């Protein structure tokens, strides 16, 4: 047991050092150059890794109409996008979402910003550069708490959170996440959630024609705090240029059956995610073990 712990610590240290070197290298480059290098490295290496087998399997099951060539294009594009997201991390604080520059194009945000009378839940998935959505909400003046899945390596987790900055309250998933999220909303915060990961003790909700275990927290919090539920995605237009799209808010069901209401809202949420992914499948993170099988 002690040897196993020592081995894990040594591996974490090595990974942490490598991540810091990579982070520093991307930080010294301008954001466009860093993004291009990160994309090139990831799409050159990623499709050859064993992890890509999971992406290909997910694609074949979710979108059986695709042929092998299309699947390979999507897998390469997925790795390109992931490499760019990693390379853009050191530059997150440079991205001013509401500066009206060419870096981020805004669609539908004005209608959201016009009403601050109720708390918001902004949801997205691991799509495009997903880090920019919560950043945009914070820059728009919302007090935002973001629930996120911590990296397995605590050194890498601290590095990523450093890049995210201090404008957002970060709440790692786990035993205390629900309590901290409740406390944040009671203080008037809005929430930012990535809702496309498997949750073993969640509820089965249709996603690409198959049930996927889905966290119901969004639905329960929206009902409890009378939230505006906003789908917000960050599409990668080209290179390190993006489009932040706020879709119209989803209706929050309110009947006598809280469980049925949660299922109905999460079904709508998954339908939104599926629509986004079908439109730009190369921008989603197909490496997740999203379905039970």
Protein backbone atom coordinates (compact mmCIF):
# COMPACT_ATOMS: atom_id res chain seq x y z
CA UNK A 1 0.00 0.00 0.00
CA UNK A 2 2.79 2.42 0.93
CA UNK A 3 4.66 1.56 -2.25
CA UNK A 4 1.52 2.19 -4.28
CA UNK A 5 1.00 5.59 -2.66
CA UNK A 6 4.65 6.49 -3.28
CA UNK A 7 4.34 5.44 -6.91
CA UNK A 8 1.19 7.52 -7.35
CA UNK A 9 2.85 10.56 -5.79
CA UNK A 10 5.88 10.13 -8.04
CA UNK A 11 3.66 9.86 -11.11
CA UNK A 12 1.69 12.94 -10.06
CA UNK A 13 4.91 14.88 -9.55
CA UNK A 14 6.25 13.92 -12.97
CA UNK A 15 2.95 14.77 -14.62
CA UNK A 16 2.76 18.04 -12.71
CA UNK A 17 6.25 19.10 -13.78
CA UNK A 18 5.51 18.22 -17.41
CA UNK A 19 2.23 20.16 -17.27
CA UNK A 20 3.95 23.23 -15.84
CA UNK A 21 6.64 23.14 -18.54
CA UNK A 22 3.96 22.85 -21.22
CA UNK A 23 1.90 25.62 -19.59
CA UNK A 24 4.93 27.92 -19.45
CA UNK A 25 5.73 27.21 -23.09
CA UNK A 26 2.20 28.07 -24.22
CA UNK A 27 2.19 31.16 -21.97
CA UNK A 28 5.18 32.77 -23.70
CA UNK A 29 3.55 32.42 -27.11
CA UNK A 30 0.80 34.77 -28.32
CA UNK A 31 -2.60 33.12 -27.91
CA UNK A 32 -3.09 32.47 -31.64
CA UNK A 33 0.31 30.82 -31.97
CA UNK A 34 -0.17 28.80 -28.76
CA UNK A 35 -3.55 27.59 -29.98
CA UNK A 36 -2.11 26.55 -33.35
CA UNK A 37 0.79 24.65 -31.76
CA UNK A 38 -1.47 22.95 -29.23
CA UNK A 39 -3.89 21.89 -31.94
CA UNK A 40 -1.09 20.55 -34.16
CA UNK A 41 0.49 18.51 -31.38
CA UNK A 42 -2.80 17.01 -30.20
CA UNK A 43 -4.16 16.07 -33.63
CA UNK A 44 -0.79 14.57 -34.56
CA UNK A 45 -0.56 12.37 -31.46
CA UNK A 46 -4.10 11.93 -30.09
CA UNK A 47 -5.69 9.77 -32.81
CA UNK A 48 -2.92 7.18 -32.30
CA UNK A 49 -3.52 6.85 -28.56
CA UNK A 50 -5.53 4.00 -27.07
CA UNK A 51 -8.00 6.51 -25.62
CA UNK A 52 -9.21 7.26 -29.13
CA UNK A 53 -10.79 3.81 -29.31
CA UNK A 54 -13.39 5.07 -26.84
CA UNK A 55 -14.09 8.11 -29.03
CA UNK A 56 -14.56 5.95 -32.14
CA UNK A 57 -16.86 3.56 -30.28
CA UNK A 58 -18.96 6.43 -28.90
CA UNK A 59 -19.25 7.95 -32.37
CA UNK A 60 -20.30 4.68 -34.02
CA UNK A 61 -23.01 4.13 -31.42
CA UNK A 62 -24.23 7.73 -31.23
CA UNK A 63 -24.10 8.51 -34.96
CA UNK A 64 -24.27 5.19 -36.83
CA UNK A 65 -24.80 6.99 -40.13
CA UNK A 66 -21.12 8.06 -40.17
CA UNK A 67 -18.61 6.13 -42.26
CA UNK A 68 -15.07 5.37 -41.10
CA UNK A 69 -13.56 8.36 -42.91
CA UNK A 70 -16.01 10.76 -41.24
CA UNK A 71 -15.28 9.23 -37.83
CA UNK A 72 -11.54 9.69 -38.32
CA UNK A 73 -12.06 13.32 -39.34
CA UNK A 74 -14.13 13.95 -36.22
CA UNK A 75 -11.61 12.21 -33.94
CA UNK A 76 -8.76 14.29 -35.40
CA UNK A 77 -10.86 17.46 -35.03
CA UNK A 78 -11.71 16.56 -31.44
CA UNK A 79 -8.02 16.22 -30.58
CA UNK A 80 -7.23 19.46 -32.38
CA UNK A 81 -9.87 21.27 -30.32
CA UNK A 82 -8.67 19.69 -27.08
CA UNK A 83 -5.07 20.66 -27.78
CA UNK A 84 -6.15 24.21 -28.45
CA UNK A 85 -8.21 24.38 -25.22
CA UNK A 86 -5.13 23.30 -23.25
CA UNK A 87 -2.84 25.74 -25.06
CA UNK A 88 -5.30 28.61 -24.51
CA UNK A 89 -5.48 28.05 -20.73
CA UNK A 90 -2.56 30.40 -19.88
CA UNK A 91 -4.27 33.11 -21.94
CA UNK A 92 -7.78 32.87 -20.48
CA UNK A 93 -7.42 36.14 -18.58
CA UNK A 94 -6.56 37.92 -21.85
CA UNK A 95 -9.93 37.01 -23.36
CA UNK A 96 -12.36 39.86 -22.78
CA UNK A 97 -15.66 38.38 -23.87
CA UNK A 98 -17.60 41.65 -23.94
CA UNK A 99 -14.92 43.87 -25.47
CA UNK A 100 -16.65 43.51 -28.88
CA UNK A 101 -13.33 42.54 -30.44
CA UNK A 102 -13.01 39.90 -33.12
CA UNK A 103 -11.86 37.32 -30.54
CA UNK A 104 -15.38 36.44 -29.31
CA UNK A 105 -18.57 36.91 -31.28
CA UNK A 106 -21.72 37.16 -29.14
CA UNK A 107 -25.10 35.71 -30.09
CA UNK A 108 -28.14 36.02 -27.83
CA UNK A 109 -26.26 37.42 -24.83
CA UNK A 110 -27.97 40.83 -24.80
CA UNK A 111 -31.37 39.35 -23.94
CA UNK A 112 -29.83 37.43 -21.04
CA UNK A 113 -28.03 40.46 -19.65
CA UNK A 114 -31.17 42.59 -19.70
CA UNK A 115 -32.80 40.80 -16.74
CA UNK A 116 -30.96 40.29 -13.43
CA UNK A 117 -34.05 39.85 -11.24
CA UNK A 118 -33.62 36.06 -10.84
CA UNK A 119 -30.62 33.77 -10.36
CA UNK A 120 -29.25 32.04 -13.42
CA UNK A 121 -27.96 28.58 -14.16
CA UNK A 122 -25.74 28.59 -17.23
CA UNK A 123 -25.14 25.11 -18.59
CA UNK A 124 -22.84 23.85 -21.27
CA UNK A 125 -20.75 20.80 -22.11
CA UNK A 126 -17.15 20.00 -23.00
CA UNK A 127 -17.66 21.70 -26.34
CA UNK A 128 -15.51 24.24 -28.18
CA UNK A 129 -13.55 26.12 -25.52
CA UNK A 130 -15.85 25.40 -22.60
CA UNK A 131 -13.75 27.51 -20.21
CA UNK A 132 -14.95 30.75 -21.81
CA UNK A 133 -18.66 30.37 -20.96
CA UNK A 134 -18.28 30.81 -17.19
CA UNK A 135 -15.63 33.47 -17.79
CA UNK A 136 -18.11 35.41 -19.91
CA UNK A 137 -20.80 35.24 -17.21
CA UNK A 138 -18.34 36.59 -14.63
CA UNK A 139 -17.17 39.37 -16.95
CA UNK A 140 -20.82 40.32 -17.52
CA UNK A 141 -21.12 41.06 -13.81
CA UNK A 142 -22.71 37.86 -12.54
CA UNK A 143 -21.43 36.44 -9.27
CA UNK A 144 -20.70 32.93 -10.55
CA UNK A 145 -19.99 29.64 -8.84
CA UNK A 146 -18.76 26.90 -11.18
CA UNK A 147 -19.10 23.22 -10.33
CA UNK A 148 -16.33 21.28 -12.03
CA UNK A 149 -14.70 17.85 -12.01
CA UNK A 150 -11.27 18.16 -10.43
CA UNK A 151 -8.32 16.67 -12.31
CA UNK A 152 -7.09 13.37 -10.88
CA UNK A 153 -3.67 14.93 -10.36
CA UNK A 154 -3.94 17.69 -7.69
CA UNK A 155 -0.91 19.52 -9.11
CA UNK A 156 -2.55 19.76 -12.52
CA UNK A 157 -5.85 20.71 -10.89
CA UNK A 158 -4.22 23.66 -9.13
CA UNK A 159 -2.57 24.74 -12.38
CA UNK A 160 -5.89 24.72 -14.27
CA UNK A 161 -7.65 26.63 -11.48
CA UNK A 162 -4.87 29.21 -11.48
CA UNK A 163 -5.58 29.79 -15.18
CA UNK A 164 -9.30 30.19 -14.48
CA UNK A 165 -8.51 33.11 -12.19
CA UNK A 166 -10.32 34.42 -9.12
CA UNK A 167 -13.47 35.88 -10.70
CA UNK A 168 -15.32 32.59 -10.33
CA UNK A 169 -15.95 30.53 -7.20
CA UNK A 170 -14.79 27.02 -8.07
CA UNK A 171 -16.63 24.08 -6.50
CA UNK A 172 -15.14 20.63 -7.18
CA UNK A 173 -17.60 17.77 -7.58
CA UNK A 174 -17.76 15.47 -4.58
CA UNK A 175 -19.32 15.04 -1.18
CA UNK A 176 -19.49 18.75 -0.32
CA UNK A 177 -20.37 20.10 -3.78
CA UNK A 178 -24.14 20.15 -3.20
CA UNK A 179 -23.77 21.97 0.11
CA UNK A 180 -21.40 24.56 -1.35
CA UNK A 181 -23.63 25.10 -4.39
CA UNK A 182 -26.65 25.66 -2.14
CA UNK A 183 -24.68 28.12 -0.02
CA UNK A 184 -23.53 30.01 -3.12
CA UNK A 185 -27.07 30.32 -4.47
CA UNK A 186 -28.35 31.44 -1.09
CA UNK A 187 -25.78 34.25 -1.33
CA UNK A 188 -27.27 35.26 -4.67
CA UNK A 189 -24.72 33.58 -6.95
CA UNK A 190 -25.55 32.11 -10.31
CA UNK A 191 -24.19 28.69 -11.30
CA UNK A 192 -22.16 27.51 -14.28
CA UNK A 193 -22.34 23.78 -14.97
CA UNK A 194 -20.89 21.35 -17.49
CA UNK A 195 -23.60 18.71 -17.65
CA UNK A 196 -22.31 16.20 -20.19
CA UNK A 197 -20.39 13.78 -17.94
CA UNK A 198 -21.63 10.47 -16.62
CA UNK A 199 -22.84 10.43 -13.01
CA UNK A 200 -23.20 6.88 -11.74
CA UNK A 201 -25.81 7.79 -9.12
CA UNK A 202 -27.66 10.17 -11.43
CA UNK A 203 -30.88 9.50 -13.32
CA UNK A 204 -31.18 7.79 -16.74
CA UNK A 205 -31.93 10.41 -19.39
CA UNK A 206 -32.03 9.91 -23.18
CA UNK A 207 -28.91 11.09 -25.02
CA UNK A 208 -28.30 10.14 -28.65
CA UNK A 209 -31.05 7.55 -28.42
CA UNK A 210 -29.72 5.73 -25.34
CA UNK A 211 -30.13 6.39 -21.64
CA UNK A 212 -27.16 8.14 -20.07
CA UNK A 213 -26.74 8.56 -16.32
CA UNK A 214 -27.20 12.29 -15.83
CA UNK A 215 -26.82 14.52 -12.76
CA UNK A 216 -30.21 15.99 -11.79
CA UNK A 217 -28.72 18.81 -9.68
CA UNK A 218 -29.40 21.45 -12.34
CA UNK A 219 -33.11 20.64 -12.38
CA UNK A 220 -33.43 20.46 -8.60
CA UNK A 221 -31.62 23.76 -8.01
CA UNK A 222 -33.53 25.51 -10.82
CA UNK A 223 -36.83 24.46 -9.24
CA UNK A 224 -35.78 25.38 -5.70
CA UNK A 225 -34.38 28.83 -6.51
CA UNK A 226 -36.68 29.76 -9.42
CA UNK A 227 -33.70 30.04 -11.77
CA UNK A 228 -33.43 31.08 -15.38
CA UNK A 229 -31.82 28.08 -17.12
CA UNK A 230 -29.67 29.24 -20.04
CA UNK A 231 -27.94 26.96 -22.55
CA UNK A 232 -24.60 28.64 -23.34
CA UNK A 233 -22.05 27.17 -25.73
CA UNK A 234 -18.72 28.46 -26.97
CA UNK A 235 -18.12 27.38 -30.56
CA UNK A 236 -14.66 27.52 -32.04
CA UNK A 237 -14.99 29.51 -35.27
CA UNK A 238 -11.36 29.20 -36.37
CA UNK A 239 -8.12 29.06 -34.42
CA UNK A 240 -8.47 31.01 -31.18
CA UNK A 241 -11.62 32.82 -32.27
CA UNK A 242 -14.97 31.92 -30.81
CA UNK A 243 -18.72 32.41 -30.86
CA UNK A 244 -20.51 32.53 -27.49
CA UNK A 245 -24.14 31.58 -28.09
CA UNK A 246 -26.82 31.96 -25.42
CA UNK A 247 -29.91 30.03 -26.48
CA UNK A 248 -33.36 31.01 -25.15
CA UNK A 249 -33.90 29.85 -21.54
CA UNK A 250 -35.45 26.44 -21.00
CA UNK A 251 -38.81 26.15 -19.27
CA UNK A 252 -38.56 24.78 -15.71
CA UNK A 253 -41.45 22.35 -15.05
CA UNK A 254 -43.31 22.82 -11.77
CA UNK A 255 -45.80 20.06 -11.00
CA UNK A 256 -46.54 18.03 -7.89
CA UNK A 257 -44.06 15.37 -9.05
CA UNK A 258 -40.54 16.72 -8.45
CA UNK A 259 -38.87 13.61 -9.88
CA UNK A 260 -40.86 13.83 -13.12
CA UNK A 261 -40.03 17.53 -13.35
CA UNK A 262 -36.30 16.80 -12.96
CA UNK A 263 -36.47 14.13 -15.66
CA UNK A 264 -38.35 16.44 -18.03
CA UNK A 265 -35.88 19.30 -17.62
CA UNK A 266 -32.79 17.09 -17.91
CA UNK A 267 -34.30 15.48 -21.02
CA UNK A 268 -34.56 18.97 -22.51
CA UNK A 269 -30.99 19.75 -21.42
CA UNK A 270 -29.61 16.58 -23.06
CA UNK A 271 -31.59 17.33 -26.21
CA UNK A 272 -29.91 20.75 -26.42
CA UNK A 273 -26.47 19.21 -25.96
CA UNK A 274 -27.19 16.59 -28.61
CA UNK A 275 -28.29 19.28 -31.07
CA UNK A 276 -25.06 21.20 -30.54
CA UNK A 277 -22.91 18.11 -30.90
CA UNK A 278 -24.62 16.88 -34.06
CA UNK A 279 -24.00 20.29 -35.63
CA UNK A 280 -20.26 20.35 -34.77
CA UNK A 281 -19.28 16.85 -33.59
CA UNK A 282 -15.54 17.54 -33.78
CA UNK A 283 -15.90 20.14 -31.03
CA UNK A 284 -17.21 17.72 -28.38
CA UNK A 285 -15.08 15.59 -26.06
CA UNK A 286 -15.95 12.08 -27.27
CA UNK A 287 -13.51 10.46 -24.84
CA UNK A 288 -16.04 10.49 -21.98
CA UNK A 289 -17.54 7.19 -20.85
CA UNK A 290 -20.92 8.86 -21.19
CA UNK A 291 -23.13 5.77 -21.44
CA UNK A 292 -23.33 2.84 -19.00
CA UNK A 293 -22.39 0.33 -21.72
